[in-house]
Amino acid sequence: MDYLKQENLGEGTFGVVAKAIKRATNEVVAIKKIRQRASKSGMELPTLREIMLLQELQHENVIALHEVYVHNGSLNLVFEFCATDLEHVIQDKKMILDAARIKACMLGTLRGLAYCHASWVLHRDMKPGNLLLGPDGTVKLADFGLARVFGSPDRKY
């Protein structure tokens, strides 16, 4: 395997997210191991949708999907690593969010959303837990499982 697993970062209905190091480059990444339910049609639709959209969306305020692979029958999504999300920052009583930090978070969120909308994608699950913070504090939109493509430039309304 190309990755050395470090620690689990979180768990949800989707599966488990772990911090890992890519052996070839020593890059720190996050690996989302998808919990597959028994399905006749194969891969779950939200998982497929997230993969397809994130392969297309490339922006500094949208989480980067580096790789998708199968290991021991489980689907794994390799993302850029973000240490925390906005929900944890809000709940941390020791951390004070000053006006400049709040403005920076809002600007990053709005830039990411503007890019998605310009790419004809609606996120549909905006919440603090889905706004990750990169190592330099950049806000990254994440979790595109509920996202939808809503049109195209050629579509007549």
N, C-alpha and C. Protein backbone atom coordinates (compact mmCIF):
# COMPACT_ATOMS: atom_id res chain seq x y z
N MET A 1 0.85 -1.19 0.00
CA MET A 1 0.00 0.00 0.00
C MET A 1 0.89 1.25 0.00
N ASP A 2 0.44 2.28 -0.70
CA ASP A 2 1.23 3.50 -0.86
C ASP A 2 1.15 4.45 0.32
N TYR A 3 0.30 4.14 1.31
CA TYR A 3 0.06 5.06 2.42
C TYR A 3 0.32 4.38 3.76
N LEU A 4 0.85 5.15 4.69
CA LEU A 4 1.08 4.68 6.05
C LEU A 4 0.06 5.36 6.95
N LYS A 5 -0.90 4.59 7.44
CA LYS A 5 -1.97 5.13 8.27
C LYS A 5 -1.41 5.60 9.62
N GLN A 6 -1.83 6.79 10.05
CA GLN A 6 -1.36 7.35 11.30
C GLN A 6 -2.40 7.21 12.42
N GLU A 7 -3.56 7.84 12.24
CA GLU A 7 -4.58 7.85 13.29
C GLU A 7 -5.94 8.10 12.66
N ASN A 8 -7.00 7.68 13.35
CA ASN A 8 -8.35 7.99 12.89
C ASN A 8 -8.70 9.41 13.27
N LEU A 9 -9.29 10.14 12.33
CA LEU A 9 -9.68 11.53 12.57
C LEU A 9 -11.16 11.67 12.87
N GLY A 10 -11.96 10.76 12.35
CA GLY A 10 -13.40 10.84 12.57
C GLY A 10 -14.11 9.66 11.97
N GLU A 11 -15.37 9.51 12.39
CA GLU A 11 -16.17 8.41 11.90
C GLU A 11 -17.60 8.88 11.77
N GLY A 12 -18.28 8.41 10.74
CA GLY A 12 -19.67 8.77 10.53
C GLY A 12 -20.39 7.67 9.81
N THR A 13 -21.57 7.99 9.29
CA THR A 13 -22.34 6.98 8.58
C THR A 13 -21.66 6.57 7.28
N PHE A 14 -20.82 7.45 6.72
CA PHE A 14 -20.12 7.19 5.46
C PHE A 14 -18.98 6.21 5.64
N GLY A 15 -18.35 6.21 6.81
CA GLY A 15 -17.17 5.38 7.05
C GLY A 15 -16.22 6.06 8.00
N VAL A 16 -14.92 5.88 7.77
CA VAL A 16 -13.89 6.37 8.67
C VAL A 16 -12.90 7.24 7.90
N VAL A 17 -12.49 8.37 8.52
CA VAL A 17 -11.45 9.21 7.93
C VAL A 17 -10.20 9.06 8.78
N ALA A 18 -9.07 8.76 8.13
CA ALA A 18 -7.81 8.57 8.83
C ALA A 18 -6.74 9.50 8.26
N LYS A 19 -5.86 9.92 9.12
CA LYS A 19 -4.68 10.68 8.70
C LYS A 19 -3.64 9.66 8.23
N ALA A 20 -2.97 9.96 7.14
CA ALA A 20 -1.97 9.03 6.60
C ALA A 20 -0.84 9.81 5.94
N ILE A 21 0.24 9.10 5.68
CA ILE A 21 1.39 9.70 5.00
C ILE A 21 1.62 8.91 3.71
N LYS A 22 1.73 9.63 2.61
CA LYS A 22 2.03 8.99 1.33
C LYS A 22 3.51 8.63 1.36
N ARG A 23 3.82 7.36 1.24
CA ARG A 23 5.19 6.87 1.39
C ARG A 23 6.16 7.50 0.39
N ALA A 24 5.74 7.67 -0.85
CA ALA A 24 6.64 8.15 -1.90
C ALA A 24 7.08 9.60 -1.70
N THR A 25 6.19 10.43 -1.12
CA THR A 25 6.47 11.87 -1.02
C THR A 25 6.49 12.41 0.41
N ASN A 26 6.10 11.59 1.39
CA ASN A 26 5.94 12.01 2.78
C ASN A 26 4.87 13.08 2.96
N GLU A 27 3.97 13.19 2.00
CA GLU A 27 2.86 14.14 2.09
C GLU A 27 1.81 13.61 3.05
N VAL A 28 1.31 14.48 3.93
CA VAL A 28 0.23 14.11 4.85
C VAL A 28 -1.09 14.26 4.10
N VAL A 29 -1.92 13.22 4.17
CA VAL A 29 -3.21 13.20 3.48
C VAL A 29 -4.28 12.68 4.44
N ALA A 30 -5.53 12.82 4.02
CA ALA A 30 -6.66 12.24 4.75
C ALA A 30 -7.28 11.19 3.84
N ILE A 31 -7.50 9.99 4.38
CA ILE A 31 -8.10 8.91 3.60
C ILE A 31 -9.48 8.60 4.18
N LYS A 32 -10.48 8.74 3.33
CA LYS A 32 -11.86 8.45 3.71
C LYS A 32 -12.18 7.04 3.21
N LYS A 33 -12.27 6.10 4.13
CA LYS A 33 -12.60 4.71 3.80
C LYS A 33 -14.11 4.58 3.82
N ILE A 34 -14.69 4.33 2.66
CA ILE A 34 -16.14 4.31 2.51
C ILE A 34 -16.71 2.99 3.01
N ARG A 35 -17.68 3.10 3.86
CA ARG A 35 -18.39 1.93 4.37
C ARG A 35 -19.43 1.56 3.31
N GLN A 36 -19.20 0.46 2.62
CA GLN A 36 -20.11 0.03 1.56
C GLN A 36 -21.23 -0.81 2.15
N ARG A 37 -22.45 -0.44 1.82
CA ARG A 37 -23.61 -1.24 2.20
C ARG A 37 -23.90 -2.22 1.06
N ALA A 38 -24.56 -3.28 1.39
CA ALA A 38 -24.93 -4.25 0.35
C ALA A 38 -25.86 -3.56 -0.65
N SER A 39 -25.44 -3.53 -1.88
CA SER A 39 -26.22 -2.85 -2.91
C SER A 39 -26.12 -3.63 -4.21
N LYS A 40 -27.27 -3.81 -4.88
CA LYS A 40 -27.27 -4.53 -6.14
C LYS A 40 -26.60 -3.73 -7.24
N SER A 41 -26.70 -2.41 -7.14
CA SER A 41 -26.20 -1.56 -8.22
C SER A 41 -24.72 -1.22 -8.06
N GLY A 42 -24.06 -1.73 -7.05
CA GLY A 42 -22.64 -1.45 -6.86
C GLY A 42 -22.42 -0.30 -5.89
N MET A 43 -21.68 0.70 -6.32
CA MET A 43 -21.31 1.82 -5.47
C MET A 43 -22.52 2.69 -5.12
N GLU A 44 -22.55 3.20 -3.90
CA GLU A 44 -23.62 4.09 -3.46
C GLU A 44 -23.60 5.37 -4.30
N LEU A 45 -24.78 5.89 -4.62
CA LEU A 45 -24.89 7.07 -5.46
C LEU A 45 -24.20 8.31 -4.87
N PRO A 46 -24.36 8.61 -3.56
CA PRO A 46 -23.66 9.79 -3.02
C PRO A 46 -22.13 9.69 -3.15
N THR A 47 -21.59 8.49 -3.00
CA THR A 47 -20.15 8.29 -3.13
C THR A 47 -19.71 8.53 -4.56
N LEU A 48 -20.44 7.98 -5.49
CA LEU A 48 -20.13 8.16 -6.90
C LEU A 48 -20.23 9.64 -7.29
N ARG A 49 -21.28 10.29 -6.81
CA ARG A 49 -21.48 11.72 -7.09
C ARG A 49 -20.31 12.55 -6.54
N GLU A 50 -19.91 12.26 -5.30
CA GLU A 50 -18.80 13.00 -4.69
C GLU A 50 -17.52 12.82 -5.48
N ILE A 51 -17.22 11.61 -5.89
CA ILE A 51 -16.00 11.35 -6.67
C ILE A 51 -16.04 12.09 -7.99
N MET A 52 -17.14 11.98 -8.71
CA MET A 52 -17.24 12.61 -10.02
C MET A 52 -17.13 14.13 -9.93
N LEU A 53 -17.79 14.72 -8.96
CA LEU A 53 -17.75 16.18 -8.83
C LEU A 53 -16.36 16.66 -8.40
N LEU A 54 -15.76 16.00 -7.42
CA LEU A 54 -14.46 16.46 -6.93
C LEU A 54 -13.35 16.24 -7.94
N GLN A 55 -13.51 15.30 -8.87
CA GLN A 55 -12.53 15.16 -9.94
C GLN A 55 -12.59 16.35 -10.88
N GLU A 56 -13.75 16.99 -10.98
CA GLU A 56 -13.93 18.14 -11.86
C GLU A 56 -13.61 19.46 -11.17
N LEU A 57 -13.97 19.59 -9.91
CA LEU A 57 -13.83 20.86 -9.20
C LEU A 57 -12.40 21.04 -8.68
N GLN A 58 -11.72 22.05 -9.18
CA GLN A 58 -10.34 22.34 -8.76
C GLN A 58 -10.27 23.81 -8.36
N HIS A 59 -10.24 24.08 -7.05
CA HIS A 59 -10.23 25.46 -6.55
C HIS A 59 -9.60 25.45 -5.17
N GLU A 60 -8.95 26.54 -4.81
CA GLU A 60 -8.27 26.58 -3.51
C GLU A 60 -9.24 26.49 -2.33
N ASN A 61 -10.52 26.77 -2.54
CA ASN A 61 -11.50 26.70 -1.46
C ASN A 61 -12.42 25.48 -1.57
N VAL A 62 -12.01 24.48 -2.35
CA VAL A 62 -12.71 23.20 -2.44
C VAL A 62 -11.67 22.12 -2.14
N ILE A 63 -12.04 21.19 -1.27
CA ILE A 63 -11.11 20.13 -0.88
C ILE A 63 -10.62 19.38 -2.12
N ALA A 64 -9.33 19.08 -2.17
CA ALA A 64 -8.75 18.41 -3.33
C ALA A 64 -8.80 16.89 -3.13
N LEU A 65 -9.35 16.21 -4.13
CA LEU A 65 -9.35 14.75 -4.16
C LEU A 65 -8.14 14.33 -4.97
N HIS A 66 -7.17 13.66 -4.30
CA HIS A 66 -5.93 13.26 -4.97
C HIS A 66 -6.05 11.94 -5.70
N GLU A 67 -6.77 10.98 -5.09
CA GLU A 67 -6.75 9.62 -5.63
C GLU A 67 -7.94 8.84 -5.10
N VAL A 68 -8.38 7.86 -5.86
CA VAL A 68 -9.40 6.91 -5.44
C VAL A 68 -8.84 5.51 -5.70
N TYR A 69 -8.92 4.64 -4.69
CA TYR A 69 -8.43 3.26 -4.87
C TYR A 69 -9.26 2.29 -4.03
N VAL A 70 -9.17 1.03 -4.40
CA VAL A 70 -9.85 -0.04 -3.66
C VAL A 70 -8.78 -0.86 -2.96
N HIS A 71 -8.99 -1.11 -1.66
CA HIS A 71 -8.08 -1.94 -0.87
C HIS A 71 -8.90 -2.85 0.03
N ASN A 72 -8.67 -4.14 -0.07
CA ASN A 72 -9.41 -5.14 0.71
C ASN A 72 -10.93 -4.98 0.56
N GLY A 73 -11.37 -4.67 -0.65
CA GLY A 73 -12.79 -4.56 -0.92
C GLY A 73 -13.43 -3.25 -0.50
N SER A 74 -12.65 -2.34 0.07
CA SER A 74 -13.19 -1.04 0.50
C SER A 74 -12.72 0.06 -0.45
N LEU A 75 -13.62 0.98 -0.73
CA LEU A 75 -13.30 2.14 -1.55
C LEU A 75 -12.66 3.20 -0.66
N ASN A 76 -11.53 3.76 -1.11
CA ASN A 76 -10.80 4.76 -0.34
C ASN A 76 -10.61 6.03 -1.17
N LEU A 77 -10.95 7.16 -0.58
CA LEU A 77 -10.77 8.46 -1.23
C LEU A 77 -9.63 9.18 -0.51
N VAL A 78 -8.63 9.62 -1.26
CA VAL A 78 -7.47 10.30 -0.68
C VAL A 78 -7.62 11.80 -0.94
N PHE A 79 -7.71 12.56 0.15
CA PHE A 79 -7.90 14.01 0.10
C PHE A 79 -6.67 14.74 0.64
N GLU A 80 -6.58 16.02 0.29
CA GLU A 80 -5.58 16.84 0.96
C GLU A 80 -5.93 16.87 2.45
N PHE A 81 -4.93 17.02 3.30
CA PHE A 81 -5.15 16.97 4.74
C PHE A 81 -5.53 18.34 5.29
N CYS A 82 -6.59 18.37 6.07
CA CYS A 82 -7.00 19.56 6.81
C CYS A 82 -7.15 19.15 8.27
N ALA A 83 -6.48 19.87 9.15
CA ALA A 83 -6.41 19.45 10.55
C ALA A 83 -7.73 19.57 11.30
N THR A 84 -8.57 20.51 10.91
CA THR A 84 -9.80 20.73 11.67
C THR A 84 -10.89 21.27 10.76
N ASP A 85 -12.06 21.45 11.35
CA ASP A 85 -13.17 22.07 10.62
C ASP A 85 -13.71 23.23 11.44
N LEU A 86 -14.57 24.00 10.82
CA LEU A 86 -15.09 25.20 11.47
C LEU A 86 -15.94 24.87 12.68
N GLU A 87 -16.59 23.73 12.69
CA GLU A 87 -17.40 23.32 13.84
C GLU A 87 -16.54 23.18 15.10
N HIS A 88 -15.37 22.54 14.97
CA HIS A 88 -14.48 22.40 16.12
C HIS A 88 -13.95 23.75 16.59
N VAL A 89 -13.66 24.63 15.65
CA VAL A 89 -13.16 25.97 16.01
C VAL A 89 -14.23 26.73 16.78
N ILE A 90 -15.47 26.65 16.33
CA ILE A 90 -16.57 27.36 16.99
C ILE A 90 -16.78 26.81 18.40
N GLN A 91 -16.68 25.49 18.57
CA GLN A 91 -16.92 24.86 19.87
C GLN A 91 -15.77 25.01 20.85
N ASP A 92 -14.57 25.31 20.35
CA ASP A 92 -13.40 25.46 21.21
C ASP A 92 -13.48 26.78 21.96
N LYS A 93 -13.77 26.70 23.25
CA LYS A 93 -13.95 27.90 24.08
C LYS A 93 -12.66 28.69 24.26
N LYS A 94 -11.52 28.03 24.06
CA LYS A 94 -10.23 28.72 24.23
C LYS A 94 -9.87 29.58 23.03
N MET A 95 -10.49 29.28 21.89
CA MET A 95 -10.16 30.01 20.67
C MET A 95 -11.13 31.17 20.48
N ILE A 96 -10.58 32.35 20.31
CA ILE A 96 -11.38 33.54 20.08
C ILE A 96 -11.35 33.86 18.59
N LEU A 97 -12.52 33.96 18.00
CA LEU A 97 -12.62 34.33 16.59
C LEU A 97 -12.80 35.84 16.49
N ASP A 98 -11.74 36.52 16.08
CA ASP A 98 -11.84 37.96 15.91
C ASP A 98 -12.49 38.28 14.56
N ALA A 99 -12.79 39.55 14.35
CA ALA A 99 -13.49 39.97 13.13
C ALA A 99 -12.72 39.59 11.87
N ALA A 100 -11.41 39.74 11.89
CA ALA A 100 -10.59 39.43 10.71
C ALA A 100 -10.69 37.95 10.37
N ARG A 101 -10.65 37.09 11.37
CA ARG A 101 -10.72 35.63 11.14
C ARG A 101 -12.11 35.24 10.62
N ILE A 102 -13.14 35.84 11.18
CA ILE A 102 -14.51 35.56 10.73
C ILE A 102 -14.68 35.99 9.27
N LYS A 103 -14.16 37.17 8.94
CA LYS A 103 -14.24 37.65 7.55
C LYS A 103 -13.47 36.73 6.61
N ALA A 104 -12.30 36.26 7.02
CA ALA A 104 -11.51 35.36 6.18
C ALA A 104 -12.25 34.04 5.94
N CYS A 105 -12.90 33.50 6.97
CA CYS A 105 -13.67 32.27 6.83
C CYS A 105 -14.86 32.48 5.89
N MET A 106 -15.55 33.59 6.05
CA MET A 106 -16.69 33.89 5.18
C MET A 106 -16.24 34.06 3.74
N LEU A 107 -15.15 34.80 3.53
CA LEU A 107 -14.65 35.03 2.18
C LEU A 107 -14.27 33.72 1.50
N GLY A 108 -13.56 32.84 2.22
CA GLY A 108 -13.19 31.54 1.66
C GLY A 108 -14.40 30.69 1.33
N THR A 109 -15.39 30.70 2.22
CA THR A 109 -16.62 29.95 1.98
C THR A 109 -17.35 30.47 0.75
N LEU A 110 -17.50 31.79 0.67
CA LEU A 110 -18.22 32.39 -0.46
C LEU A 110 -17.47 32.21 -1.78
N ARG A 111 -16.14 32.26 -1.75
CA ARG A 111 -15.37 32.02 -2.97
C ARG A 111 -15.53 30.58 -3.45
N GLY A 112 -15.50 29.64 -2.51
CA GLY A 112 -15.71 28.24 -2.86
C GLY A 112 -17.10 28.01 -3.43
N LEU A 113 -18.11 28.60 -2.80
CA LEU A 113 -19.48 28.46 -3.30
C LEU A 113 -19.65 29.13 -4.66
N ALA A 114 -19.06 30.30 -4.84
CA ALA A 114 -19.15 30.99 -6.14
C ALA A 114 -18.53 30.13 -7.24
N TYR A 115 -17.41 29.49 -6.94
CA TYR A 115 -16.78 28.61 -7.92
C TYR A 115 -17.69 27.42 -8.24
N CYS A 116 -18.26 26.80 -7.20
CA CYS A 116 -19.17 25.67 -7.42
C CYS A 116 -20.35 26.11 -8.28
N HIS A 117 -20.95 27.24 -7.95
CA HIS A 117 -22.11 27.71 -8.70
C HIS A 117 -21.74 28.07 -10.13
N ALA A 118 -20.56 28.65 -10.33
CA ALA A 118 -20.10 28.94 -11.69
C ALA A 118 -19.85 27.65 -12.48
N SER A 119 -19.59 26.56 -11.75
CA SER A 119 -19.40 25.24 -12.38
C SER A 119 -20.70 24.45 -12.42
N TRP A 120 -21.82 25.08 -12.10
CA TRP A 120 -23.15 24.49 -12.15
C TRP A 120 -23.35 23.39 -11.10
N VAL A 121 -22.74 23.57 -9.93
CA VAL A 121 -22.85 22.58 -8.85
C VAL A 121 -23.44 23.26 -7.62
N LEU A 122 -24.46 22.64 -7.02
CA LEU A 122 -25.03 23.08 -5.74
C LEU A 122 -24.53 22.12 -4.66
N HIS A 123 -23.93 22.64 -3.60
CA HIS A 123 -23.37 21.80 -2.54
C HIS A 123 -24.46 21.11 -1.74
N ARG A 124 -25.46 21.82 -1.27
CA ARG A 124 -26.64 21.34 -0.56
C ARG A 124 -26.40 20.77 0.84
N ASP A 125 -25.23 20.93 1.39
CA ASP A 125 -24.98 20.45 2.76
C ASP A 125 -23.99 21.38 3.47
N MET A 126 -24.25 22.68 3.36
CA MET A 126 -23.36 23.66 3.96
C MET A 126 -23.60 23.71 5.47
N LYS A 127 -22.57 23.41 6.23
CA LYS A 127 -22.60 23.48 7.69
C LYS A 127 -21.16 23.57 8.17
N PRO A 128 -20.95 24.04 9.39
CA PRO A 128 -19.57 24.22 9.88
C PRO A 128 -18.71 22.96 9.81
N GLY A 129 -19.31 21.79 10.00
CA GLY A 129 -18.56 20.55 9.96
C GLY A 129 -18.05 20.19 8.57
N ASN A 130 -18.63 20.79 7.54
CA ASN A 130 -18.19 20.54 6.17
C ASN A 130 -17.32 21.66 5.62
N LEU A 131 -16.92 22.58 6.47
CA LEU A 131 -15.98 23.65 6.10
C LEU A 131 -14.67 23.35 6.81
N LEU A 132 -13.75 22.73 6.09
CA LEU A 132 -12.47 22.34 6.67
C LEU A 132 -11.50 23.51 6.61
N LEU A 133 -10.52 23.50 7.51
CA LEU A 133 -9.50 24.53 7.54
C LEU A 133 -8.15 23.92 7.20
N GLY A 134 -7.56 24.41 6.12
CA GLY A 134 -6.26 23.93 5.68
C GLY A 134 -5.16 24.38 6.62
N PRO A 135 -3.94 23.90 6.40
CA PRO A 135 -2.81 24.23 7.28
C PRO A 135 -2.55 25.72 7.41
N ASP A 136 -2.85 26.47 6.34
CA ASP A 136 -2.64 27.93 6.39
C ASP A 136 -3.91 28.68 6.77
N GLY A 137 -4.96 27.95 7.18
CA GLY A 137 -6.21 28.58 7.59
C GLY A 137 -7.21 28.77 6.48
N THR A 138 -6.88 28.32 5.27
CA THR A 138 -7.79 28.45 4.14
C THR A 138 -9.02 27.57 4.34
N VAL A 139 -10.20 28.12 4.11
CA VAL A 139 -11.43 27.35 4.20
C VAL A 139 -11.59 26.50 2.95
N LYS A 140 -11.95 25.23 3.16
CA LYS A 140 -12.14 24.27 2.07
C LYS A 140 -13.53 23.65 2.19
N LEU A 141 -14.34 23.76 1.15
CA LEU A 141 -15.64 23.10 1.13
C LEU A 141 -15.40 21.61 0.96
N ALA A 142 -16.11 20.81 1.77
CA ALA A 142 -15.94 19.36 1.73
C ALA A 142 -17.30 18.67 1.77
N ASP A 143 -17.30 17.38 1.59
CA ASP A 143 -18.47 16.50 1.64
C ASP A 143 -19.49 16.88 0.56
N PHE A 144 -19.23 16.42 -0.64
CA PHE A 144 -20.09 16.70 -1.78
C PHE A 144 -21.06 15.55 -2.07
N GLY A 145 -21.34 14.72 -1.08
CA GLY A 145 -22.24 13.58 -1.27
C GLY A 145 -23.66 13.97 -1.61
N LEU A 146 -24.12 15.13 -1.15
CA LEU A 146 -25.49 15.59 -1.45
C LEU A 146 -25.52 16.61 -2.59
N ALA A 147 -24.37 16.93 -3.15
CA ALA A 147 -24.28 17.96 -4.20
C ALA A 147 -25.02 17.50 -5.46
N ARG A 148 -25.47 18.48 -6.23
CA ARG A 148 -26.16 18.21 -7.48
C ARG A 148 -25.68 19.16 -8.57
N VAL A 149 -25.62 18.65 -9.79
CA VAL A 149 -25.39 19.50 -10.95
C VAL A 149 -26.75 20.06 -11.31
N PHE A 150 -26.86 21.37 -11.50
CA PHE A 150 -28.18 21.97 -11.70
C PHE A 150 -28.41 22.56 -13.08
N GLY A 151 -27.49 22.45 -13.98
CA GLY A 151 -27.72 22.99 -15.31
C GLY A 151 -26.43 23.04 -16.09
N SER A 152 -26.45 23.88 -17.13
CA SER A 152 -25.26 24.08 -17.94
C SER A 152 -25.39 25.43 -18.62
N PRO A 153 -24.29 25.95 -19.16
CA PRO A 153 -24.36 27.26 -19.80
C PRO A 153 -25.31 27.28 -21.02
N ASP A 154 -25.54 26.12 -21.63
CA ASP A 154 -26.38 26.06 -22.82
C ASP A 154 -27.86 25.84 -22.51
N ARG A 155 -28.17 25.60 -21.23
CA ARG A 155 -29.55 25.29 -20.86
C ARG A 155 -30.42 26.54 -20.93
N LYS A 156 -31.57 26.42 -21.57
CA LYS A 156 -32.53 27.52 -21.67
C LYS A 156 -33.52 27.38 -20.53
N TYR A 157 -33.75 28.47 -19.81
CA TYR A 157 -34.71 28.44 -18.68
C TYR A 157 -36.05 29.01 -19.12
